[in-house]
Amino acid sequence: MEDHSLIKANGFSMIELLIVLGVLSVVLTIAIPSIQSTKQNLLLMNYLTRLEHDLYYYQLYAVTTRQRVTVQFEAEEPVYTVIVGDKVVEERSGPAELQFIEGSLKLDGLVFLEKGGIQRAGRITIKYGKTSYSLVFQFARGRFYFERM
């Protein structure tokens, strides 16, 4: 008489493997779009954080060097440029889907004055896919913040 326990100990049956693969494919189908949207959000947050740090840095640069610093945002491509005097000192690009939209502040109108204030208060919209943020500059001291729309 044959011992059937030896046959089961050798491995999994084809049905068991197909069930596991089916469950795994369903889980991956649900998880992959979530991972992609998380990746896009992380790219945007990284870019906004970099922009914030650059704005603080160049505001402080304007104060310490007593020079005006201009930040220009491009409408056609996701690039902002920092200009001191007539010299471009920094140019940063972002994710391809990112877009700067002129609001109450012109895209080439952000100027940090020698004492750290800004020349004109206003707002610039930053759009990335379905997500939009406003970069809001308050009058006088050059304070700014991001506001999700």
C-alpha atoms as a PDB file:
ATOM      1  CA  MET A   1       0.000   0.000   0.000  1.00  0.00           C
ATOM      2  CA  GLU A   2       1.304   3.432  -0.985  1.00  0.00           C
ATOM      3  CA  ASP A   3       1.753   6.249   1.493  1.00  0.00           C
ATOM      4  CA  HIS A   4      -0.028   9.376   0.157  1.00  0.00           C
ATOM      5  CA  SER A   5       1.670  11.698   2.678  1.00  0.00           C
ATOM      6  CA  LEU A   6       4.909  11.455   0.664  1.00  0.00           C
ATOM      7  CA  ILE A   7       3.164  12.715  -2.477  1.00  0.00           C
ATOM      8  CA  LYS A   8       1.807  15.850  -0.665  1.00  0.00           C
ATOM      9  CA  ALA A   9       5.185  16.591   0.937  1.00  0.00           C
ATOM     10  CA  ASN A  10       6.864  17.037  -2.460  1.00  0.00           C
ATOM     11  CA  GLY A  11       5.233  20.418  -3.289  1.00  0.00           C
ATOM     12  CA  PHE A  12       2.102  22.368  -4.060  1.00  0.00           C
ATOM     13  CA  SER A  13      -0.527  21.285  -6.519  1.00  0.00           C
ATOM     14  CA  MET A  14      -1.196  23.276  -9.690  1.00  0.00           C
ATOM     15  CA  ILE A  15      -4.554  24.492  -8.329  1.00  0.00           C
ATOM     16  CA  GLU A  16      -2.925  25.902  -5.180  1.00  0.00           C
ATOM     17  CA  LEU A  17      -0.327  27.766  -7.242  1.00  0.00           C
ATOM     18  CA  LEU A  18      -2.992  29.226  -9.547  1.00  0.00           C
ATOM     19  CA  ILE A  19      -5.041  30.440  -6.558  1.00  0.00           C
ATOM     20  CA  VAL A  20      -1.996  32.150  -5.025  1.00  0.00           C
ATOM     21  CA  LEU A  21      -1.088  33.784  -8.359  1.00  0.00           C
ATOM     22  CA  GLY A  22      -4.685  34.991  -8.812  1.00  0.00           C
ATOM     23  CA  VAL A  23      -4.786  36.582  -5.360  1.00  0.00           C
ATOM     24  CA  LEU A  24      -1.375  38.168  -5.922  1.00  0.00           C
ATOM     25  CA  SER A  25      -2.418  39.670  -9.260  1.00  0.00           C
ATOM     26  CA  VAL A  26      -5.552  41.199  -7.686  1.00  0.00           C
ATOM     27  CA  VAL A  27      -3.493  42.761  -4.883  1.00  0.00           C
ATOM     28  CA  LEU A  28      -0.960  44.197  -7.357  1.00  0.00           C
ATOM     29  CA  THR A  29      -3.721  45.572  -9.587  1.00  0.00           C
ATOM     30  CA  ILE A  30      -5.050  47.535  -6.620  1.00  0.00           C
ATOM     31  CA  ALA A  31      -1.646  48.642  -5.276  1.00  0.00           C
ATOM     32  CA  ILE A  32       0.145  49.883  -8.423  1.00  0.00           C
ATOM     33  CA  PRO A  33      -2.065  52.947  -9.169  1.00  0.00           C
ATOM     34  CA  SER A  34      -1.798  53.939  -5.512  1.00  0.00           C
ATOM     35  CA  ILE A  35       1.986  53.758  -5.672  1.00  0.00           C
ATOM     36  CA  GLN A  36       2.084  55.888  -8.847  1.00  0.00           C
ATOM     37  CA  SER A  37      -0.050  58.656  -7.339  1.00  0.00           C
ATOM     38  CA  THR A  38       2.101  58.589  -4.208  1.00  0.00           C
ATOM     39  CA  LYS A  39       5.202  58.962  -6.378  1.00  0.00           C
ATOM     40  CA  GLN A  40       3.688  61.990  -8.165  1.00  0.00           C
ATOM     41  CA  ASN A  41       2.759  63.591  -4.839  1.00  0.00           C
ATOM     42  CA  LEU A  42       6.284  63.047  -3.520  1.00  0.00           C
ATOM     43  CA  LEU A  43       7.789  64.633  -6.649  1.00  0.00           C
ATOM     44  CA  LEU A  44       5.552  67.681  -6.230  1.00  0.00           C
ATOM     45  CA  MET A  45       6.240  68.013  -2.496  1.00  0.00           C
ATOM     46  CA  ASN A  46       9.986  67.691  -3.121  1.00  0.00           C
ATOM     47  CA  TYR A  47       9.838  70.418  -5.771  1.00  0.00           C
ATOM     48  CA  LEU A  48       7.762  72.764  -3.597  1.00  0.00           C
ATOM     49  CA  THR A  49      10.133  72.226  -0.671  1.00  0.00           C
ATOM     50  CA  ARG A  50      13.108  73.001  -2.910  1.00  0.00           C
ATOM     51  CA  LEU A  51      11.361  76.150  -4.169  1.00  0.00           C
ATOM     52  CA  GLU A  52      10.601  77.230  -0.603  1.00  0.00           C
ATOM     53  CA  HIS A  53      14.226  76.743   0.472  1.00  0.00           C
ATOM     54  CA  ASP A  54      15.486  78.636  -2.570  1.00  0.00           C
ATOM     55  CA  LEU A  55      13.139  81.560  -1.904  1.00  0.00           C
ATOM     56  CA  TYR A  56      14.261  81.795   1.723  1.00  0.00           C
ATOM     57  CA  TYR A  57      17.902  81.514   0.693  1.00  0.00           C
ATOM     58  CA  TYR A  58      17.716  84.246  -1.939  1.00  0.00           C
ATOM     59  CA  GLN A  59      15.697  86.504   0.340  1.00  0.00           C
ATOM     60  CA  LEU A  60      18.490  86.220   2.892  1.00  0.00           C
ATOM     61  CA  TYR A  61      21.029  86.671   0.097  1.00  0.00           C
ATOM     62  CA  ALA A  62      19.353  89.974  -0.847  1.00  0.00           C
ATOM     63  CA  VAL A  63      19.662  91.173   2.755  1.00  0.00           C
ATOM     64  CA  THR A  64      23.279  90.127   3.291  1.00  0.00           C
ATOM     65  CA  THR A  65      24.599  91.414  -0.050  1.00  0.00           C
ATOM     66  CA  ARG A  66      22.255  94.437  -0.189  1.00  0.00           C
ATOM     67  CA  GLN A  67      21.313  93.599  -3.762  1.00  0.00           C
ATOM     68  CA  ARG A  68      17.933  93.066  -5.388  1.00  0.00           C
ATOM     69  CA  VAL A  69      17.180  89.474  -6.292  1.00  0.00           C
ATOM     70  CA  THR A  70      14.612  88.688  -8.989  1.00  0.00           C
ATOM     71  CA  VAL A  71      12.882  85.326  -9.306  1.00  0.00           C
ATOM     72  CA  GLN A  72      11.244  84.648 -12.670  1.00  0.00           C
ATOM     73  CA  PHE A  73       8.844  81.762 -13.268  1.00  0.00           C
ATOM     74  CA  GLU A  74       8.323  80.392 -16.786  1.00  0.00           C
ATOM     75  CA  ALA A  75       4.786  79.890 -18.087  1.00  0.00           C
ATOM     76  CA  GLU A  76       5.657  77.405 -20.863  1.00  0.00           C
ATOM     77  CA  GLU A  77       7.936  75.110 -18.890  1.00  0.00           C
ATOM     78  CA  PRO A  78       8.434  74.180 -15.223  1.00  0.00           C
ATOM     79  CA  VAL A  79      11.471  76.387 -14.640  1.00  0.00           C
ATOM     80  CA  TYR A  80      12.250  79.258 -12.311  1.00  0.00           C
ATOM     81  CA  THR A  81      15.294  81.479 -12.657  1.00  0.00           C
ATOM     82  CA  VAL A  82      17.042  83.570  -9.998  1.00  0.00           C
ATOM     83  CA  ILE A  83      18.732  86.751 -11.192  1.00  0.00           C
ATOM     84  CA  VAL A  84      21.043  89.035  -9.183  1.00  0.00           C
ATOM     85  CA  GLY A  85      21.721  92.271 -11.035  1.00  0.00           C
ATOM     86  CA  ASP A  86      22.020  91.145 -14.656  1.00  0.00           C
ATOM     87  CA  LYS A  87      23.499  87.745 -13.845  1.00  0.00           C
ATOM     88  CA  VAL A  88      21.533  84.468 -13.734  1.00  0.00           C
ATOM     89  CA  VAL A  89      22.719  82.689 -10.586  1.00  0.00           C
ATOM     90  CA  GLU A  90      20.295  79.756 -10.492  1.00  0.00           C
ATOM     91  CA  GLU A  91      17.920  78.003 -12.840  1.00  0.00           C
ATOM     92  CA  ARG A  92      15.843  75.082 -11.596  1.00  0.00           C
ATOM     93  CA  SER A  93      13.521  72.849 -13.528  1.00  0.00           C
ATOM     94  CA  GLY A  94      10.746  70.675 -12.156  1.00  0.00           C
ATOM     95  CA  PRO A  95       8.524  67.791 -13.195  1.00  0.00           C
ATOM     96  CA  ALA A  96       7.314  68.004 -16.811  1.00  0.00           C
ATOM     97  CA  GLU A  97       3.608  68.273 -15.894  1.00  0.00           C
ATOM     98  CA  LEU A  98       4.179  71.260 -13.579  1.00  0.00           C
ATOM     99  CA  GLN A  99       2.892  74.650 -14.698  1.00  0.00           C
ATOM    100  CA  PHE A 100       3.193  78.165 -13.274  1.00  0.00           C
ATOM    101  CA  ILE A 101       0.106  80.340 -13.784  1.00  0.00           C
ATOM    102  CA  GLU A 102       0.180  84.092 -13.338  1.00  0.00           C
ATOM    103  CA  GLY A 103      -2.154  85.404 -10.655  1.00  0.00           C
ATOM    104  CA  SER A 104      -2.092  88.773  -8.949  1.00  0.00           C
ATOM    105  CA  LEU A 105       1.716  88.586  -9.129  1.00  0.00           C
ATOM    106  CA  LYS A 106       3.343  88.471 -12.558  1.00  0.00           C
ATOM    107  CA  LEU A 107       5.569  85.487 -13.272  1.00  0.00           C
ATOM    108  CA  ASP A 108       8.571  87.793 -13.661  1.00  0.00           C
ATOM    109  CA  GLY A 109       7.523  90.163 -10.892  1.00  0.00           C
ATOM    110  CA  LEU A 110       8.978  88.631  -7.744  1.00  0.00           C
ATOM    111  CA  VAL A 111      11.761  90.917  -6.487  1.00  0.00           C
ATOM    112  CA  PHE A 112      13.395  90.658  -3.073  1.00  0.00           C
ATOM    113  CA  LEU A 113      14.578  94.111  -2.005  1.00  0.00           C
ATOM    114  CA  GLU A 114      17.814  94.929  -0.189  1.00  0.00           C
ATOM    115  CA  LYS A 115      16.095  94.800   3.218  1.00  0.00           C
ATOM    116  CA  GLY A 116      14.414  91.432   2.560  1.00  0.00           C
ATOM    117  CA  GLY A 117      10.954  92.713   1.690  1.00  0.00           C
ATOM    118  CA  ILE A 118       9.310  92.212  -1.663  1.00  0.00           C
ATOM    119  CA  GLN A 119       8.505  94.791  -4.281  1.00  0.00           C
ATOM    120  CA  ARG A 120       4.907  93.653  -4.754  1.00  0.00           C
ATOM    121  CA  ALA A 121       2.613  91.253  -2.895  1.00  0.00           C
ATOM    122  CA  GLY A 122       0.528  88.729  -4.777  1.00  0.00           C
ATOM    123  CA  ARG A 123      -0.080  85.137  -5.714  1.00  0.00           C
ATOM    124  CA  ILE A 124       1.205  82.661  -8.292  1.00  0.00           C
ATOM    125  CA  THR A 125      -0.598  79.382  -8.966  1.00  0.00           C
ATOM    126  CA  ILE A 126       1.386  76.165  -9.319  1.00  0.00           C
ATOM    127  CA  LYS A 127      -0.528  73.390 -11.079  1.00  0.00           C
ATOM    128  CA  TYR A 128       0.570  69.764 -11.248  1.00  0.00           C
ATOM    129  CA  GLY A 129      -1.957  67.445 -12.859  1.00  0.00           C
ATOM    130  CA  LYS A 130      -5.191  67.808 -10.899  1.00  0.00           C
ATOM    131  CA  THR A 131      -3.441  69.382  -7.901  1.00  0.00           C
ATOM    132  CA  SER A 132      -3.038  73.151  -7.573  1.00  0.00           C
ATOM    133  CA  TYR A 133      -1.207  75.271  -5.026  1.00  0.00           C
ATOM    134  CA  SER A 134      -1.008  79.019  -4.618  1.00  0.00           C
ATOM    135  CA  LEU A 135       2.295  80.583  -3.697  1.00  0.00           C
ATOM    136  CA  VAL A 136       1.136  83.620  -1.710  1.00  0.00           C
ATOM    137  CA  PHE A 137       3.441  86.546  -0.947  1.00  0.00           C
ATOM    138  CA  GLN A 138       2.318  88.898   1.770  1.00  0.00           C
ATOM    139  CA  PHE A 139       3.046  92.585   1.621  1.00  0.00           C
ATOM    140  CA  ALA A 140       6.105  94.257   3.121  1.00  0.00           C
ATOM    141  CA  ARG A 141       8.363  91.735   4.856  1.00  0.00           C
ATOM    142  CA  GLY A 142       8.434  89.181   2.065  1.00  0.00           C
ATOM    143  CA  ARG A 143       6.686  86.439   3.987  1.00  0.00           C
ATOM    144  CA  PHE A 144       5.145  83.731   1.841  1.00  0.00           C
ATOM    145  CA  TYR A 145       3.331  80.435   2.143  1.00  0.00           C
ATOM    146  CA  PHE A 146       1.831  77.681  -0.004  1.00  0.00           C
ATOM    147  CA  GLU A 147      -1.928  77.205  -0.004  1.00  0.00           C
ATOM    148  CA  ARG A 148      -3.583  74.128  -1.498  1.00  0.00           C
ATOM    149  CA  MET A 149      -6.477  75.027  -3.744  1.00  0.00           C
END
